Amino acid sequence: MLLLGRFTEGRIAILERLREELRKRDFLPIVFNFDKPDTTTFTQTVRLLAGMSRFVIADVTNPKSAPLELQATVPELMVPFRPIIEEGEKPFAMLEDLWIQYRDWVFEPLYYSSLEALVAALDEKIIKPAEIRFAELIARKAERMKGEHV
């Protein structure tokens, strides 16, 4: 699974703690905080990583590149996306548009009051709903178009 967000001092701590907690639950979380790849763009790399993920958690608290990353990936991929936002912050304007248009796989934002509250809610508010949605999306992708008969 993929973790997106800002890599500033305070924000990276959230992503690192989520990565640690997800590893305890036998996930292989990737925090995309490495140097620009030589052969692709950042957007292509995020799209590739998201496409290989069961779900994506995007911390959109005071975002910089997350809006662009989500705009580039959400319409292209049927992968559950769970935006998280620290309480007191507002989501970026286009997040609601993404949710309206792609609500089959984009969850409403989860507002968290603290890192500890977020970790406490991880299983019930993020993992469980994302796993259910992932299974639904896989089933939908596996359906065969049967067509109409007259």
C-alpha atoms as a PDB file:
ATOM      1  CA  MET A   1       0.000   0.000   0.000  1.00  0.00           C
ATOM      2  CA  LEU A   2       1.074   3.580  -0.637  1.00  0.00           C
ATOM      3  CA  LEU A   3       1.371   6.504   1.778  1.00  0.00           C
ATOM      4  CA  LEU A   4       1.315  10.002   0.303  1.00  0.00           C
ATOM      5  CA  GLY A   5       1.788  13.332   2.021  1.00  0.00           C
ATOM      6  CA  ARG A   6       4.271  16.064   2.843  1.00  0.00           C
ATOM      7  CA  PHE A   7       7.790  15.249   3.908  1.00  0.00           C
ATOM      8  CA  THR A   8       8.379  18.242   6.142  1.00  0.00           C
ATOM      9  CA  GLU A   9       9.536  17.684   9.720  1.00  0.00           C
ATOM     10  CA  GLY A  10       6.104  17.437  11.357  1.00  0.00           C
ATOM     11  CA  ARG A  11       4.276  15.746   8.513  1.00  0.00           C
ATOM     12  CA  ILE A  12       6.789  12.982   7.773  1.00  0.00           C
ATOM     13  CA  ALA A  13       6.424  11.757  11.365  1.00  0.00           C
ATOM     14  CA  ILE A  14       2.763  10.944  10.618  1.00  0.00           C
ATOM     15  CA  LEU A  15       3.667   8.939   7.516  1.00  0.00           C
ATOM     16  CA  GLU A  16       6.531   7.107   9.239  1.00  0.00           C
ATOM     17  CA  ARG A  17       4.330   6.130  12.178  1.00  0.00           C
ATOM     18  CA  LEU A  18       1.601   4.896   9.837  1.00  0.00           C
ATOM     19  CA  ARG A  19       4.209   2.896   7.921  1.00  0.00           C
ATOM     20  CA  GLU A  20       5.420   1.327  11.176  1.00  0.00           C
ATOM     21  CA  GLU A  21       1.871   0.467  12.281  1.00  0.00           C
ATOM     22  CA  LEU A  22       0.961  -0.980   8.891  1.00  0.00           C
ATOM     23  CA  ARG A  23       4.066  -3.177   8.927  1.00  0.00           C
ATOM     24  CA  LYS A  24       2.933  -4.564  12.293  1.00  0.00           C
ATOM     25  CA  ARG A  25      -0.248  -5.595  10.472  1.00  0.00           C
ATOM     26  CA  ASP A  26       1.685  -7.425   7.718  1.00  0.00           C
ATOM     27  CA  PHE A  27       1.332  -4.732   5.049  1.00  0.00           C
ATOM     28  CA  LEU A  28       4.226  -3.513   2.917  1.00  0.00           C
ATOM     29  CA  PRO A  29       3.670   0.242   2.989  1.00  0.00           C
ATOM     30  CA  ILE A  30       5.660   2.517   0.709  1.00  0.00           C
ATOM     31  CA  VAL A  31       6.255   6.137   1.602  1.00  0.00           C
ATOM     32  CA  PHE A  32       7.091   7.905  -1.632  1.00  0.00           C
ATOM     33  CA  ASN A  33       9.913  10.134  -0.396  1.00  0.00           C
ATOM     34  CA  PHE A  34      12.826   9.204  -2.619  1.00  0.00           C
ATOM     35  CA  ASP A  35      14.715  11.115  -5.289  1.00  0.00           C
ATOM     36  CA  LYS A  36      13.244  11.724  -8.710  1.00  0.00           C
ATOM     37  CA  PRO A  37      13.610   8.619 -10.856  1.00  0.00           C
ATOM     38  CA  ASP A  38      15.833   8.948 -13.918  1.00  0.00           C
ATOM     39  CA  THR A  39      13.480   7.256 -16.370  1.00  0.00           C
ATOM     40  CA  THR A  40      10.033   8.495 -15.268  1.00  0.00           C
ATOM     41  CA  THR A  41       8.371  11.554 -13.774  1.00  0.00           C
ATOM     42  CA  PHE A  42       7.226  11.785 -10.168  1.00  0.00           C
ATOM     43  CA  THR A  43       3.632  11.544 -11.355  1.00  0.00           C
ATOM     44  CA  GLN A  44       4.298   8.389 -13.377  1.00  0.00           C
ATOM     45  CA  THR A  45       6.049   6.819 -10.398  1.00  0.00           C
ATOM     46  CA  VAL A  46       3.210   7.658  -8.006  1.00  0.00           C
ATOM     47  CA  ARG A  47       0.702   6.280 -10.517  1.00  0.00           C
ATOM     48  CA  LEU A  48       2.714   3.057 -10.842  1.00  0.00           C
ATOM     49  CA  LEU A  49       3.047   2.594  -7.067  1.00  0.00           C
ATOM     50  CA  ALA A  50      -0.640   3.370  -6.480  1.00  0.00           C
ATOM     51  CA  GLY A  51      -1.618   0.878  -9.181  1.00  0.00           C
ATOM     52  CA  MET A  52       0.266  -1.878  -7.373  1.00  0.00           C
ATOM     53  CA  SER A  53      -1.330  -1.012  -4.025  1.00  0.00           C
ATOM     54  CA  ARG A  54      -4.337  -2.465  -2.232  1.00  0.00           C
ATOM     55  CA  PHE A  55      -5.137   1.033  -1.037  1.00  0.00           C
ATOM     56  CA  VAL A  56      -3.646   4.494  -0.687  1.00  0.00           C
ATOM     57  CA  ILE A  57      -3.598   6.713   2.378  1.00  0.00           C
ATOM     58  CA  ALA A  58      -3.024  10.348   1.461  1.00  0.00           C
ATOM     59  CA  ASP A  59      -2.352  12.863   4.212  1.00  0.00           C
ATOM     60  CA  VAL A  60      -3.752  16.000   2.630  1.00  0.00           C
ATOM     61  CA  THR A  61      -3.075  18.253   5.611  1.00  0.00           C
ATOM     62  CA  ASN A  62      -1.646  21.493   4.214  1.00  0.00           C
ATOM     63  CA  PRO A  63      -0.778  19.736   0.942  1.00  0.00           C
ATOM     64  CA  LYS A  64       1.780  20.738  -1.655  1.00  0.00           C
ATOM     65  CA  SER A  65       1.976  17.962  -4.265  1.00  0.00           C
ATOM     66  CA  ALA A  66      -0.791  15.638  -2.984  1.00  0.00           C
ATOM     67  CA  PRO A  67      -3.549  17.400  -4.983  1.00  0.00           C
ATOM     68  CA  LEU A  68      -1.632  16.867  -8.212  1.00  0.00           C
ATOM     69  CA  GLU A  69      -0.740  13.274  -7.269  1.00  0.00           C
ATOM     70  CA  LEU A  70      -4.378  12.465  -6.506  1.00  0.00           C
ATOM     71  CA  GLN A  71      -5.631  14.191  -9.655  1.00  0.00           C
ATOM     72  CA  ALA A  72      -3.135  12.153 -11.685  1.00  0.00           C
ATOM     73  CA  THR A  73      -3.964   8.799 -10.064  1.00  0.00           C
ATOM     74  CA  VAL A  74      -7.564   8.723  -8.838  1.00  0.00           C
ATOM     75  CA  PRO A  75      -9.229   8.991 -12.283  1.00  0.00           C
ATOM     76  CA  GLU A  76      -6.851   6.400 -13.760  1.00  0.00           C
ATOM     77  CA  LEU A  77      -6.985   3.719 -11.060  1.00  0.00           C
ATOM     78  CA  MET A  78      -9.737   1.865  -9.266  1.00  0.00           C
ATOM     79  CA  VAL A  79      -7.795   1.691  -5.997  1.00  0.00           C
ATOM     80  CA  PRO A  80      -9.270   2.714  -2.629  1.00  0.00           C
ATOM     81  CA  PHE A  81      -7.992   6.159  -1.599  1.00  0.00           C
ATOM     82  CA  ARG A  82      -8.397   7.317   1.998  1.00  0.00           C
ATOM     83  CA  PRO A  83      -7.579  10.986   2.512  1.00  0.00           C
ATOM     84  CA  ILE A  84      -6.654  11.921   6.075  1.00  0.00           C
ATOM     85  CA  ILE A  85      -6.533  15.475   7.428  1.00  0.00           C
ATOM     86  CA  GLU A  86      -5.443  16.877  10.751  1.00  0.00           C
ATOM     87  CA  GLU A  87      -8.377  18.507  12.562  1.00  0.00           C
ATOM     88  CA  GLY A  88      -8.560  22.249  12.082  1.00  0.00           C
ATOM     89  CA  GLU A  89      -7.308  22.030   8.483  1.00  0.00           C
ATOM     90  CA  LYS A  90      -9.479  22.249   5.403  1.00  0.00           C
ATOM     91  CA  PRO A  91      -9.228  19.870   2.443  1.00  0.00           C
ATOM     92  CA  PHE A  92      -7.941  21.264  -0.822  1.00  0.00           C
ATOM     93  CA  ALA A  93     -10.774  22.484  -3.020  1.00  0.00           C
ATOM     94  CA  MET A  94     -10.672  19.725  -5.636  1.00  0.00           C
ATOM     95  CA  LEU A  95     -10.790  16.860  -3.119  1.00  0.00           C
ATOM     96  CA  GLU A  96     -14.568  17.102  -2.988  1.00  0.00           C
ATOM     97  CA  ASP A  97     -14.687  16.947  -6.796  1.00  0.00           C
ATOM     98  CA  LEU A  98     -12.599  13.752  -6.766  1.00  0.00           C
ATOM     99  CA  TRP A  99     -14.876  12.267  -4.119  1.00  0.00           C
ATOM    100  CA  ILE A 100     -18.051  13.164  -6.026  1.00  0.00           C
ATOM    101  CA  GLN A 101     -16.802  11.776  -9.326  1.00  0.00           C
ATOM    102  CA  TYR A 102     -14.947   8.704  -7.998  1.00  0.00           C
ATOM    103  CA  ARG A 103     -16.720   7.918  -4.740  1.00  0.00           C
ATOM    104  CA  ASP A 104     -16.708   4.223  -5.588  1.00  0.00           C
ATOM    105  CA  TRP A 105     -13.059   4.210  -4.529  1.00  0.00           C
ATOM    106  CA  VAL A 106     -12.391   7.601  -2.907  1.00  0.00           C
ATOM    107  CA  PHE A 107     -13.453   7.755   0.721  1.00  0.00           C
ATOM    108  CA  GLU A 108     -14.514  10.897   2.521  1.00  0.00           C
ATOM    109  CA  PRO A 109     -11.654  12.458   4.488  1.00  0.00           C
ATOM    110  CA  LEU A 110     -10.879  11.127   7.935  1.00  0.00           C
ATOM    111  CA  TYR A 111     -10.073  13.989  10.305  1.00  0.00           C
ATOM    112  CA  TYR A 112      -7.663  13.122  13.112  1.00  0.00           C
ATOM    113  CA  SER A 113      -7.023  15.060  16.310  1.00  0.00           C
ATOM    114  CA  SER A 114      -3.617  13.537  17.016  1.00  0.00           C
ATOM    115  CA  LEU A 115      -1.250  10.883  15.755  1.00  0.00           C
ATOM    116  CA  GLU A 116      -2.332   8.588  18.580  1.00  0.00           C
ATOM    117  CA  ALA A 117      -6.000   9.026  17.661  1.00  0.00           C
ATOM    118  CA  LEU A 118      -5.158   8.233  14.038  1.00  0.00           C
ATOM    119  CA  VAL A 119      -3.268   5.072  15.017  1.00  0.00           C
ATOM    120  CA  ALA A 120      -6.150   4.015  17.280  1.00  0.00           C
ATOM    121  CA  ALA A 121      -8.581   4.388  14.357  1.00  0.00           C
ATOM    122  CA  LEU A 122      -6.308   2.709  11.793  1.00  0.00           C
ATOM    123  CA  ASP A 123      -7.948  -0.726  11.830  1.00  0.00           C
ATOM    124  CA  GLU A 124     -11.619   0.276  11.943  1.00  0.00           C
ATOM    125  CA  LYS A 125     -11.610   3.536   9.998  1.00  0.00           C
ATOM    126  CA  ILE A 126      -8.914   2.946   7.381  1.00  0.00           C
ATOM    127  CA  ILE A 127      -7.807  -0.665   6.906  1.00  0.00           C
ATOM    128  CA  LYS A 128     -11.121  -2.508   7.263  1.00  0.00           C
ATOM    129  CA  PRO A 129     -13.124  -0.199   4.951  1.00  0.00           C
ATOM    130  CA  ALA A 130     -10.264  -0.094   2.422  1.00  0.00           C
ATOM    131  CA  GLU A 131      -9.972  -3.898   2.369  1.00  0.00           C
ATOM    132  CA  ILE A 132     -13.728  -4.260   1.854  1.00  0.00           C
ATOM    133  CA  ARG A 133     -13.674  -1.680  -0.945  1.00  0.00           C
ATOM    134  CA  PHE A 134     -10.622  -3.342  -2.515  1.00  0.00           C
ATOM    135  CA  ALA A 135     -12.463  -6.691  -2.618  1.00  0.00           C
ATOM    136  CA  GLU A 136     -15.518  -5.018  -4.186  1.00  0.00           C
ATOM    137  CA  LEU A 137     -13.398  -3.342  -6.838  1.00  0.00           C
ATOM    138  CA  ILE A 138     -11.565  -6.587  -7.647  1.00  0.00           C
ATOM    139  CA  ALA A 139     -14.921  -8.352  -8.039  1.00  0.00           C
ATOM    140  CA  ARG A 140     -16.140  -5.575 -10.329  1.00  0.00           C
ATOM    141  CA  LYS A 141     -12.980  -5.750 -12.432  1.00  0.00           C
ATOM    142  CA  ALA A 142     -13.368  -9.519 -12.711  1.00  0.00           C
ATOM    143  CA  GLU A 143     -16.946  -9.333 -14.020  1.00  0.00           C
ATOM    144  CA  ARG A 144     -17.270 -10.218 -17.660  1.00  0.00           C
ATOM    145  CA  MET A 145     -19.299  -8.057 -19.945  1.00  0.00           C
ATOM    146  CA  LYS A 146     -22.144 -10.286 -21.002  1.00  0.00           C
ATOM    147  CA  GLY A 147     -23.925  -8.012 -23.434  1.00  0.00           C
ATOM    148  CA  GLU A 148     -27.600  -8.064 -24.261  1.00  0.00           C
ATOM    149  CA  HIS A 149     -29.408 -10.783 -26.189  1.00  0.00           C
ATOM    150  CA  VAL A 150     -32.499 -10.195 -28.248  1.00  0.00           C
END
